[in-house]
């Protein structure tokens, strides 16, 4: 589900043009890629950090402004940090997704449930306290916040120890308040991690069942698509397909978007035996670009990269000025943003971009290498590191998991 633009082109033209380029039939997308499909976490947004990449949306989490950090007691609010975070994000002209949970210590039904960012953070709050908090946020910020997420990783005990039905109750009550205070705002479900199957199965299907009973009080279903510590974009694609199967099984309306509100690679676990790993160099650029390209072919409407930060052993790919991860992010953004597209999956994955004037194509594999014939309209080839070279139409090139763009200088952004 994407916001429509006042732009019209001939879908038939795109489809016929793209068949000629790829040699496969593909269905043209109704709307072009939007900037907000490129999301990012910026933990120090309240301090005014401005990432050195072009991005369209921010998820405010791990920034010291959760419910318990803002409403420090029942009648005491510390708005300064959240005010600065919202103001700085607005100044950067990006759409804001704010996470409404987790439970403050003073509102916790069980202070032994959860420790981050405070004791009792994973417990069920009193509904009255929850509603008052949501009202306070909506009344203060209005349309400065584009989207509200109910909770973070509600299938993990570190963040939620209530039931799926209780989380659905929080979702429903927040939705009613947000709809009344800002009818244009998007409501995003509590997020669910995918890589630990037992935690996923215990929470996600019953949460969807409860949301269905409440007539789907959300605009987007949220997941966190981190694969296991040794996984790669192909592993992530398998997890996304698993989610899509569950959405179909749960009869989630097609009007509901699928948002990936945290993604990275190389994070250790699940369990003690699976080690994490650092992904650097060309692989970092390749994996970041693959992630956002895969979103188009797999039907993920938005992804928030976790996170813009100096190197840390918590995550596999560092996103910071000058890193190859950030180069891959910016390159993918430049390839995709504002373009109509058509993607297909196979041994060779293909995404065609363009309108009835300019057309380009990006190809890559999920594993192994495949031969690719340079299309007739192309004279230039660039990889996810934005390294470019001249090519000749009809030339055969070996394509691996490094996404490779083909076009002309006229279509290069």
Protein backbone atom coordinates (compact mmCIF):
# COMPACT_ATOMS: atom_id res chain seq x y z
CA UNK A 1 0.00 0.00 0.00
CA UNK A 2 1.67 3.18 -1.17
CA UNK A 3 0.52 6.76 -1.43
CA UNK A 4 -0.53 7.47 -5.00
CA UNK A 5 1.06 10.32 -6.94
CA UNK A 6 -0.45 12.64 -9.51
CA UNK A 7 1.61 10.92 -12.22
CA UNK A 8 0.19 8.74 -14.95
CA UNK A 9 1.95 6.68 -17.54
CA UNK A 10 1.02 3.81 -19.77
CA UNK A 11 1.32 0.55 -17.81
CA UNK A 12 1.10 -1.33 -21.04
CA UNK A 13 4.10 0.62 -22.34
CA UNK A 14 6.15 -0.22 -19.25
CA UNK A 15 5.22 -3.87 -19.29
CA UNK A 16 6.00 -4.29 -22.97
CA UNK A 17 9.25 -2.36 -22.67
CA UNK A 18 10.39 -4.42 -19.69
CA UNK A 19 9.65 -7.74 -21.35
CA UNK A 20 11.98 -6.65 -24.11
CA UNK A 21 14.72 -5.89 -21.61
CA UNK A 22 14.56 -8.91 -19.34
CA UNK A 23 13.18 -11.62 -21.59
CA UNK A 24 10.61 -12.43 -18.90
CA UNK A 25 7.06 -11.28 -18.30
CA UNK A 26 6.67 -8.85 -15.41
CA UNK A 27 3.76 -6.86 -14.03
CA UNK A 28 4.25 -3.09 -13.82
CA UNK A 29 3.77 -1.44 -10.40
CA UNK A 30 0.92 1.11 -10.18
CA UNK A 31 3.02 3.70 -8.34
CA UNK A 32 6.70 4.66 -8.34
CA UNK A 33 9.08 3.90 -5.48
CA UNK A 34 8.61 6.41 -2.67
CA UNK A 35 11.39 7.91 -0.49
CA UNK A 36 9.74 6.61 2.68
CA UNK A 37 10.33 3.03 1.52
CA UNK A 38 13.93 3.73 2.59
CA UNK A 39 13.74 3.86 6.37
CA UNK A 40 16.51 4.27 8.91
CA UNK A 41 17.12 4.25 12.66
CA UNK A 42 19.10 7.23 13.92
CA UNK A 43 19.56 6.71 17.69
CA UNK A 44 21.02 10.19 18.18
CA UNK A 45 18.32 12.03 16.25
CA UNK A 46 17.49 14.05 19.39
CA UNK A 47 21.08 15.34 19.35
CA UNK A 48 20.69 16.48 15.76
CA UNK A 49 22.63 13.73 13.96
CA UNK A 50 21.93 13.98 10.22
CA UNK A 51 22.84 10.79 8.35
CA UNK A 52 25.08 11.10 5.32
CA UNK A 53 22.64 9.20 3.10
CA UNK A 54 19.35 10.18 1.54
CA UNK A 55 16.51 8.49 3.38
CA UNK A 56 12.78 9.01 3.53
CA UNK A 57 11.57 7.75 6.90
CA UNK A 58 12.85 7.30 10.44
CA UNK A 59 11.79 4.93 13.21
CA UNK A 60 12.28 6.53 16.60
CA UNK A 61 13.44 3.74 18.90
CA UNK A 62 16.55 3.32 21.06
CA UNK A 63 16.74 7.12 21.25
CA UNK A 64 15.98 7.56 24.96
CA UNK A 65 12.38 8.61 24.36
CA UNK A 66 10.21 5.56 25.10
CA UNK A 67 6.97 5.93 27.06
CA UNK A 68 8.73 5.32 30.40
CA UNK A 69 11.53 7.74 29.55
CA UNK A 70 9.08 10.49 28.59
CA UNK A 71 6.33 9.94 31.19
CA UNK A 72 8.57 9.32 34.17
CA UNK A 73 5.69 9.16 36.65
CA UNK A 74 1.94 9.22 36.35
CA UNK A 75 1.77 13.02 36.36
CA UNK A 76 5.28 13.95 35.19
CA UNK A 77 6.31 14.25 31.55
CA UNK A 78 9.80 14.95 30.22
CA UNK A 79 9.08 16.03 26.66
CA UNK A 80 12.42 17.67 25.85
CA UNK A 81 14.09 14.64 24.25
CA UNK A 82 11.09 13.64 22.17
CA UNK A 83 10.48 17.25 21.15
CA UNK A 84 14.04 17.44 19.83
CA UNK A 85 13.83 14.07 18.10
CA UNK A 86 10.57 14.99 16.35
CA UNK A 87 11.79 18.48 15.48
CA UNK A 88 15.09 17.26 14.05
CA UNK A 89 13.43 14.54 11.99
CA UNK A 90 10.90 17.05 10.65
CA UNK A 91 13.78 19.38 9.75
CA UNK A 92 15.38 16.52 7.77
CA UNK A 93 12.06 16.18 5.91
CA UNK A 94 11.58 12.48 6.68
CA UNK A 95 8.42 10.65 7.71
CA UNK A 96 8.37 9.67 11.39
CA UNK A 97 7.38 6.30 12.83
CA UNK A 98 7.20 6.53 16.63
CA UNK A 99 7.04 3.41 18.83
CA UNK A 100 4.46 3.97 21.59
CA UNK A 101 5.57 1.15 23.95
CA UNK A 102 7.05 0.00 26.31
CA UNK A 103 5.49 0.14 29.80
CA UNK A 104 6.93 2.60 32.36
CA UNK A 105 7.98 1.18 35.73
CA UNK A 106 5.27 3.15 37.52
CA UNK A 107 2.56 1.72 35.21
CA UNK A 108 3.81 -1.88 35.18
CA UNK A 109 1.46 -4.61 36.34
CA UNK A 110 4.49 -6.74 37.18
CA UNK A 111 7.84 -5.00 37.70
CA UNK A 112 9.66 -8.32 37.26
CA UNK A 113 8.58 -8.53 33.61
CA UNK A 114 11.25 -6.95 31.43
CA UNK A 115 14.22 -4.72 32.09
CA UNK A 116 14.65 -2.56 28.94
CA UNK A 117 14.56 0.38 29.22
CA UNK A 118 13.18 -0.04 32.75
CA UNK A 119 11.88 -2.72 35.11
CA UNK A 120 8.39 -3.87 34.18
CA UNK A 121 8.73 -2.65 30.57
CA UNK A 122 7.37 -5.94 29.18
CA UNK A 123 4.25 -6.07 31.36
CA UNK A 124 0.67 -5.17 30.49
CA UNK A 125 -0.11 -1.57 31.52
CA UNK A 126 -3.47 -0.44 32.80
CA UNK A 127 -5.65 0.46 29.83
CA UNK A 128 -6.46 3.88 31.29
CA UNK A 129 -2.76 4.74 31.61
CA UNK A 130 -2.12 3.51 28.06
CA UNK A 131 -4.95 5.56 26.61
CA UNK A 132 -3.85 8.69 28.46
CA UNK A 133 -0.31 8.25 27.12
CA UNK A 134 -1.45 7.81 23.52
CA UNK A 135 -3.73 10.84 23.80
CA UNK A 136 -0.88 12.93 25.20
CA UNK A 137 1.44 12.06 22.31
CA UNK A 138 -1.17 12.57 19.57
CA UNK A 139 -2.37 15.86 21.06
CA UNK A 140 1.18 17.18 21.40
CA UNK A 141 2.56 16.27 17.98
CA UNK A 142 -0.44 16.04 15.66
CA UNK A 143 0.55 15.46 12.05
CA UNK A 144 4.27 15.92 12.84
CA UNK A 145 4.25 12.14 13.32
CA UNK A 146 3.28 10.19 10.21
CA UNK A 147 2.95 6.73 11.79
CA UNK A 148 2.59 5.13 15.21
CA UNK A 149 3.84 1.64 16.03
CA UNK A 150 2.18 -0.04 18.98
CA UNK A 151 5.10 -2.00 20.43
CA UNK A 152 8.59 -3.31 19.72
CA UNK A 153 9.23 -7.05 19.20
CA UNK A 154 6.19 -8.20 21.14
CA UNK A 155 6.99 -11.88 20.51
CA UNK A 156 10.12 -11.67 22.69
CA UNK A 157 9.98 -11.83 26.49
CA UNK A 158 12.52 -9.02 26.76
CA UNK A 159 9.87 -6.66 25.40
CA UNK A 160 6.46 -8.23 26.08
CA UNK A 161 5.21 -10.82 28.55
CA UNK A 162 1.51 -10.22 28.15
CA UNK A 163 -0.67 -12.21 25.76
CA UNK A 164 -1.30 -11.67 22.04
CA UNK A 165 -4.90 -10.76 22.92
CA UNK A 166 -3.71 -8.12 25.36
CA UNK A 167 -1.43 -6.65 22.69
CA UNK A 168 -4.37 -6.58 20.29
CA UNK A 169 -6.33 -4.72 22.97
CA UNK A 170 -3.59 -2.09 23.23
CA UNK A 171 -3.54 -1.89 19.43
CA UNK A 172 -7.29 -1.36 19.19
CA UNK A 173 -7.44 1.30 21.91
CA UNK A 174 -4.49 3.23 20.49
CA UNK A 175 -5.97 3.05 17.00
CA UNK A 176 -9.24 4.63 18.10
CA UNK A 177 -7.43 7.52 19.79
CA UNK A 178 -5.04 8.11 16.88
CA UNK A 179 -7.83 7.95 14.28
CA UNK A 180 -9.76 10.60 16.22
CA UNK A 181 -6.76 12.86 16.84
CA UNK A 182 -5.13 12.55 13.40
CA UNK A 183 -7.18 10.68 10.79
CA UNK A 184 -4.27 10.80 8.32
CA UNK A 185 -1.83 8.98 10.60
CA UNK A 186 -0.87 5.35 9.95
CA UNK A 187 -1.19 2.74 12.67
CA UNK A 188 1.45 0.01 12.60
CA UNK A 189 1.11 -3.26 14.46
CA UNK A 190 3.46 -4.41 17.19
CA UNK A 191 6.53 -5.85 15.49
CA UNK A 192 7.39 -9.55 15.46
CA UNK A 193 10.85 -11.02 14.96
CA UNK A 194 11.09 -13.92 12.51
CA UNK A 195 14.31 -15.80 13.12
CA UNK A 196 13.27 -17.64 16.32
CA UNK A 197 10.47 -19.88 15.08
CA UNK A 198 9.03 -20.82 18.48
CA UNK A 199 8.63 -17.19 19.58
CA UNK A 200 7.22 -16.26 16.18
CA UNK A 201 4.62 -19.05 16.16
CA UNK A 202 3.56 -18.41 19.74
CA UNK A 203 2.79 -14.74 19.15
CA UNK A 204 2.27 -13.79 15.50
CA UNK A 205 -0.64 -16.04 14.35
CA UNK A 206 -2.75 -15.45 17.51
CA UNK A 207 -2.02 -11.71 17.37
CA UNK A 208 -3.27 -11.61 13.77
CA UNK A 209 -6.33 -13.62 14.81
CA UNK A 210 -7.12 -11.09 17.53
CA UNK A 211 -6.59 -8.16 15.14
CA UNK A 212 -8.98 -9.78 12.69
CA UNK A 213 -11.60 -10.03 15.44
CA UNK A 214 -11.11 -6.31 16.05
CA UNK A 215 -11.65 -5.61 12.33
CA UNK A 216 -8.00 -4.90 11.57
CA UNK A 217 -7.34 -1.62 13.44
CA UNK A 218 -3.97 -1.14 11.71
CA UNK A 219 -2.67 0.09 8.36
CA UNK A 220 0.49 -2.00 8.34
CA UNK A 221 1.70 -5.31 9.73
CA UNK A 222 5.25 -5.06 11.10
CA UNK A 223 8.01 -7.64 11.27
CA UNK A 224 11.74 -7.60 11.98
CA UNK A 225 13.47 -9.64 9.31
CA UNK A 226 16.89 -10.20 10.89
CA UNK A 227 18.02 -13.67 9.79
CA UNK A 228 20.17 -15.81 12.08
CA UNK A 229 23.75 -14.73 12.74
CA UNK A 230 25.06 -16.59 9.70
CA UNK A 231 22.15 -15.67 7.39
CA UNK A 232 22.19 -13.50 4.27
CA UNK A 233 19.65 -11.69 2.07
CA UNK A 234 18.55 -15.04 0.64
CA UNK A 235 17.80 -16.25 4.18
CA UNK A 236 15.83 -13.06 4.80
CA UNK A 237 13.83 -13.60 1.61
CA UNK A 238 12.79 -17.01 2.95
CA UNK A 239 11.58 -15.41 6.18
CA UNK A 240 9.59 -12.79 4.28
CA UNK A 241 7.91 -15.50 2.23
CA UNK A 242 7.06 -17.30 5.48
CA UNK A 243 5.33 -14.14 6.71
CA UNK A 244 3.44 -13.70 3.47
CA UNK A 245 2.13 -17.25 3.77
CA UNK A 246 0.93 -16.50 7.30
CA UNK A 247 -0.74 -13.25 6.23
CA UNK A 248 -2.63 -15.16 3.57
CA UNK A 249 -3.56 -17.92 6.01
CA UNK A 250 -4.79 -15.32 8.52
CA UNK A 251 -6.77 -13.56 5.78
CA UNK A 252 -5.10 -10.21 6.31
CA UNK A 253 -6.69 -7.76 3.82
CA UNK A 254 -4.48 -6.92 0.85
CA UNK A 255 -4.92 -3.24 1.73
CA UNK A 256 -2.69 -3.73 4.76
CA UNK A 257 0.96 -2.91 4.08
CA UNK A 258 3.88 -5.07 5.17
CA UNK A 259 6.59 -3.07 6.94
CA UNK A 260 9.97 -4.39 8.01
CA UNK A 261 10.69 -2.05 10.89
CA UNK A 262 14.17 -3.42 11.72
CA UNK A 263 16.68 -5.17 9.49
CA UNK A 264 20.41 -5.91 9.50
CA UNK A 265 22.60 -9.01 9.32
CA UNK A 266 25.25 -10.83 11.30
CA UNK A 267 23.57 -10.52 14.72
CA UNK A 268 24.50 -13.55 16.83
CA UNK A 269 21.86 -16.15 17.59
CA UNK A 270 19.25 -17.25 18.01
CA UNK A 271 20.69 -19.43 20.75
CA UNK A 272 24.27 -19.61 21.95
CA UNK A 273 25.68 -21.78 19.17
CA UNK A 274 25.05 -19.45 16.21
CA UNK A 275 27.76 -16.82 16.09
CA UNK A 276 27.39 -13.37 14.61
CA UNK A 277 29.64 -11.98 11.94
CA UNK A 278 30.88 -8.70 10.53
CA UNK A 279 29.92 -7.97 6.93
CA UNK A 280 32.23 -5.43 5.31
CA UNK A 281 33.58 -4.34 1.94
CA UNK A 282 31.69 -5.20 -1.23
CA UNK A 283 29.46 -7.66 0.64
CA UNK A 284 28.08 -4.89 2.86
CA UNK A 285 27.10 -2.75 -0.14
CA UNK A 286 25.70 -5.78 -1.94
CA UNK A 287 23.58 -7.00 0.98
CA UNK A 288 22.13 -3.56 1.74
CA UNK A 289 21.20 -2.99 -1.91
CA UNK A 290 19.77 -6.51 -2.20
CA UNK A 291 17.59 -5.89 0.86
CA UNK A 292 15.82 -2.89 -0.68
CA UNK A 293 15.60 -4.48 -4.13
CA UNK A 294 14.18 -7.66 -2.59
CA UNK A 295 11.50 -5.53 -0.92
CA UNK A 296 10.10 -4.69 -4.36
CA UNK A 297 10.00 -8.24 -5.67
CA UNK A 298 8.77 -9.73 -2.36
CA UNK A 299 6.13 -7.12 -1.56
CA UNK A 300 7.65 -5.40 1.48
CA UNK A 301 6.39 -1.83 1.47
CA UNK A 302 8.95 -0.25 3.78
CA UNK A 303 12.18 -1.21 5.62
CA UNK A 304 14.00 0.62 8.40
CA UNK A 305 17.72 -0.18 8.48
CA UNK A 306 19.07 -0.71 11.99
CA UNK A 307 21.00 1.55 12.45
CA UNK A 308 23.04 4.70 11.63
CA UNK A 309 25.90 4.35 14.08
CA UNK A 310 29.65 3.88 14.42
CA UNK A 311 30.89 0.29 14.28
CA UNK A 312 29.56 -2.00 17.03
CA UNK A 313 29.73 -5.74 17.61
CA UNK A 314 25.94 -5.80 18.00
CA UNK A 315 25.30 -5.74 14.26
CA UNK A 316 26.94 -7.08 11.11
CA UNK A 317 26.76 -4.13 8.72
CA UNK A 318 27.82 -0.70 9.87
CA UNK A 319 25.91 2.23 8.40
CA UNK A 320 28.02 5.38 8.81
CA UNK A 321 29.67 8.01 6.60
CA UNK A 322 32.14 6.39 4.22
CA UNK A 323 31.24 2.77 4.97
CA UNK A 324 30.42 0.46 2.09
CA UNK A 325 27.07 -0.25 3.75
CA UNK A 326 26.08 3.40 3.44
CA UNK A 327 27.34 3.48 -0.17
CA UNK A 328 25.12 0.50 -0.98
CA UNK A 329 22.14 2.22 0.69
CA UNK A 330 22.62 5.45 -1.26
CA UNK A 331 23.22 3.62 -4.53
CA UNK A 332 20.03 1.58 -4.15
CA UNK A 333 18.09 4.75 -3.29
CA UNK A 334 19.38 6.49 -6.41
CA UNK A 335 18.51 3.50 -8.61
CA UNK A 336 15.01 3.11 -7.23
CA UNK A 337 13.53 6.32 -5.88
CA UNK A 338 10.83 7.90 -8.03
CA UNK A 339 10.85 5.11 -10.62
CA UNK A 340 8.05 2.86 -11.71
CA UNK A 341 9.23 -0.71 -11.49
CA UNK A 342 8.61 -4.31 -12.40
CA UNK A 343 10.47 -7.15 -10.70
CA UNK A 344 10.74 -10.90 -11.21
CA UNK A 345 12.38 -13.67 -9.20
CA UNK A 346 14.36 -16.68 -10.32
CA UNK A 347 17.92 -17.88 -10.63
CA UNK A 348 18.49 -14.33 -11.84
CA UNK A 349 16.44 -11.70 -10.01
CA UNK A 350 15.48 -8.68 -12.09
CA UNK A 351 14.03 -5.26 -11.35
CA UNK A 352 13.27 -2.92 -14.23
CA UNK A 353 12.94 0.79 -13.54
CA UNK A 354 11.70 3.59 -15.73
CA UNK A 355 8.91 5.43 -17.47
CA UNK A 356 8.02 5.89 -21.10
CA UNK A 357 11.22 7.90 -21.65
CA UNK A 358 13.98 6.24 -19.60
CA UNK A 359 14.41 2.56 -18.74
CA UNK A 360 17.09 0.77 -16.73
CA UNK A 361 17.44 -2.67 -15.17
CA UNK A 362 19.11 -4.12 -12.05
CA UNK A 363 20.00 -7.82 -11.89
CA UNK A 364 21.45 -10.02 -9.14
CA UNK A 365 21.33 -13.59 -7.84
CA UNK A 366 20.32 -14.86 -4.41
CA UNK A 367 23.08 -17.45 -4.73
CA UNK A 368 25.66 -18.52 -7.30
CA UNK A 369 26.35 -16.89 -10.65
CA UNK A 370 24.31 -16.58 -13.85
CA UNK A 371 25.13 -15.32 -17.33
CA UNK A 372 23.31 -12.15 -18.38
CA UNK A 373 23.13 -10.52 -21.78
CA UNK A 374 23.46 -6.74 -21.74
CA UNK A 375 20.16 -5.30 -23.04
CA UNK A 376 19.95 -3.36 -26.28
CA UNK A 377 19.40 0.01 -24.64
CA UNK A 378 22.38 -0.16 -22.25
CA UNK A 379 25.86 1.31 -22.58
CA UNK A 380 26.77 1.64 -18.90
CA UNK A 381 26.96 -0.79 -15.97
CA UNK A 382 27.25 0.15 -12.25
CA UNK A 383 27.42 -2.02 -9.12
CA UNK A 384 26.13 -1.34 -5.60
CA UNK A 385 29.39 0.40 -4.75
CA UNK A 386 28.51 2.83 -7.55
CA UNK A 387 31.52 1.67 -9.56
CA UNK A 388 30.67 2.03 -13.24
CA UNK A 389 32.08 0.83 -16.55
CA UNK A 390 31.10 0.87 -20.21
CA UNK A 391 29.28 -2.15 -21.65
CA UNK A 392 28.14 -3.23 -25.09
CA UNK A 393 24.62 -4.42 -25.93
CA UNK A 394 24.62 -8.18 -26.46
CA UNK A 395 27.69 -8.67 -24.29
CA UNK A 396 27.49 -11.64 -21.88
CA UNK A 397 28.35 -10.82 -18.25
CA UNK A 398 28.50 -13.11 -15.21
CA UNK A 399 26.14 -11.82 -12.51
CA UNK A 400 26.44 -12.81 -8.84
CA UNK A 401 24.89 -11.46 -5.65
CA UNK A 402 26.29 -7.96 -6.27
CA UNK A 403 23.31 -6.03 -7.71
CA UNK A 404 24.31 -4.59 -11.07
CA UNK A 405 22.55 -1.74 -12.86
CA UNK A 406 22.42 -1.42 -16.66
CA UNK A 407 21.34 1.71 -18.50
CA UNK A 408 22.76 4.82 -20.13
CA UNK A 409 24.26 8.04 -18.85
CA UNK A 410 20.83 9.59 -19.46
CA UNK A 411 19.16 7.16 -17.04
CA UNK A 412 21.90 7.25 -14.39
CA UNK A 413 20.91 9.37 -11.38
